């Protein structure tokens, strides 16, 4: 699985070049991105694609020395389940509080 990435998003394409998964992460301040929106095509349901794309973004941010703030409900939950990536978060305590307050389905995961 090969994700493509630019400064504002990371995505996955099918064989025809159609975007089938996406994580928007624009830079909101120097060295800080906001993980804003995760979307996965329903045909990929149950394959863990949202988690894989989030992990790929977290690893890329770590390599670049960037930090993340989270507004995407999926990303908030993912980071709460993966404390080994807390160093990528600009404010881990605030993100933990966001995760504790979430209820309902995650954004962008079409069912």
Protein backbone atom coordinates (compact mmCIF):
# COMPACT_ATOMS: atom_id res chain seq x y z
CA UNK A 1 0.00 0.00 0.00
CA UNK A 2 1.57 3.25 -1.13
CA UNK A 3 0.22 6.52 0.22
CA UNK A 4 0.78 9.75 -1.65
CA UNK A 5 1.33 12.95 0.25
CA UNK A 6 1.78 16.66 -0.13
CA UNK A 7 1.90 19.47 2.41
CA UNK A 8 -1.89 19.49 2.91
CA UNK A 9 -3.05 15.88 2.67
CA UNK A 10 -2.15 12.22 2.42
CA UNK A 11 -4.19 9.91 0.22
CA UNK A 12 -4.47 6.48 -1.37
CA UNK A 13 -5.45 5.91 -5.00
CA UNK A 14 -6.87 2.84 -6.69
CA UNK A 15 -5.37 1.40 -9.89
CA UNK A 16 -7.19 3.97 -12.04
CA UNK A 17 -5.88 6.93 -10.02
CA UNK A 18 -9.14 7.58 -8.17
CA UNK A 19 -8.65 8.81 -4.60
CA UNK A 20 -10.10 6.18 -2.26
CA UNK A 21 -8.77 7.31 1.13
CA UNK A 22 -7.73 10.71 2.46
CA UNK A 23 -6.41 12.47 5.54
CA UNK A 24 -6.40 16.27 5.35
CA UNK A 25 -3.59 17.83 7.42
CA UNK A 26 -2.85 21.46 6.47
CA UNK A 27 -0.14 23.37 8.29
CA UNK A 28 -1.86 25.85 10.63
CA UNK A 29 1.26 27.34 12.21
CA UNK A 30 4.92 26.87 11.40
CA UNK A 31 5.71 23.24 12.20
CA UNK A 32 2.15 22.39 13.32
CA UNK A 33 -0.49 20.66 11.21
CA UNK A 34 -4.16 20.05 11.97
CA UNK A 35 -5.41 16.55 11.23
CA UNK A 36 -8.82 17.74 10.08
CA UNK A 37 -10.62 15.04 8.15
CA UNK A 38 -10.29 11.33 7.44
CA UNK A 39 -12.28 9.72 4.67
CA UNK A 40 -12.24 6.13 3.40
CA UNK A 41 -14.24 4.76 0.49
CA UNK A 42 -16.88 2.26 1.68
CA UNK A 43 -15.38 -0.43 -0.58
CA UNK A 44 -12.37 -0.51 1.76
CA UNK A 45 -14.39 -1.00 4.94
CA UNK A 46 -12.92 -3.29 7.56
CA UNK A 47 -9.37 -3.21 6.17
CA UNK A 48 -7.94 -0.74 8.68
CA UNK A 49 -7.15 1.84 6.01
CA UNK A 50 -8.04 4.82 8.20
CA UNK A 51 -5.60 3.61 10.84
CA UNK A 52 -2.87 2.92 8.29
CA UNK A 53 -3.14 6.36 6.72
CA UNK A 54 -3.15 8.02 10.17
CA UNK A 55 -0.06 6.06 11.18
CA UNK A 56 1.69 7.01 7.93
CA UNK A 57 0.96 10.69 8.59
CA UNK A 58 2.15 10.42 12.21
CA UNK A 59 5.41 8.82 11.10
CA UNK A 60 5.95 11.46 8.42
CA UNK A 61 5.34 14.25 10.94
CA UNK A 62 7.78 12.64 13.37
CA UNK A 63 10.44 12.41 10.65
CA UNK A 64 9.96 16.09 9.77
CA UNK A 65 9.93 17.19 13.41
CA UNK A 66 6.39 18.57 13.02
CA UNK A 67 3.63 18.45 15.62
CA UNK A 68 -0.10 17.83 15.19
CA UNK A 69 -3.28 19.19 16.66
CA UNK A 70 -6.41 17.15 16.08
CA UNK A 71 -9.88 18.17 14.99
CA UNK A 72 -10.83 14.95 13.18
CA UNK A 73 -12.72 12.62 15.51
CA UNK A 74 -11.08 9.55 13.98
CA UNK A 75 -7.59 11.00 14.48
CA UNK A 76 -8.42 11.92 18.08
CA UNK A 77 -9.47 8.34 18.79
CA UNK A 78 -6.54 6.84 16.90
CA UNK A 79 -3.94 8.83 18.87
CA UNK A 80 -5.72 7.94 22.13
CA UNK A 81 -5.26 4.25 21.25
CA UNK A 82 -1.64 4.73 20.16
CA UNK A 83 0.21 6.52 22.98
CA UNK A 84 3.51 5.61 21.31
CA UNK A 85 2.80 8.54 18.97
CA UNK A 86 2.11 11.11 21.73
CA UNK A 87 5.41 12.82 20.88
CA UNK A 88 3.85 13.91 17.57
CA UNK A 89 1.07 15.81 19.34
CA UNK A 90 1.49 19.49 20.11
CA UNK A 91 -0.53 19.12 23.34
CA UNK A 92 -1.02 15.44 24.30
CA UNK A 93 -3.04 16.30 27.42
CA UNK A 94 -5.53 18.39 25.47
CA UNK A 95 -5.89 15.64 22.84
CA UNK A 96 -6.49 13.07 25.60
CA UNK A 97 -9.28 15.28 26.96
CA UNK A 98 -10.85 15.51 23.50
CA UNK A 99 -10.82 11.71 23.23
CA UNK A 100 -12.56 11.33 26.58
CA UNK A 101 -15.35 13.65 25.45
CA UNK A 102 -16.07 11.94 22.09
CA UNK A 103 -19.14 9.83 21.47
CA UNK A 104 -20.71 8.60 18.27
CA UNK A 105 -19.21 7.60 14.91
CA UNK A 106 -15.90 8.95 13.68
CA UNK A 107 -15.90 11.47 10.84
CA UNK A 108 -15.37 10.37 7.28
CA UNK A 109 -15.80 6.65 7.85
CA UNK A 110 -18.63 5.96 5.49
CA UNK A 111 -20.76 2.97 6.38
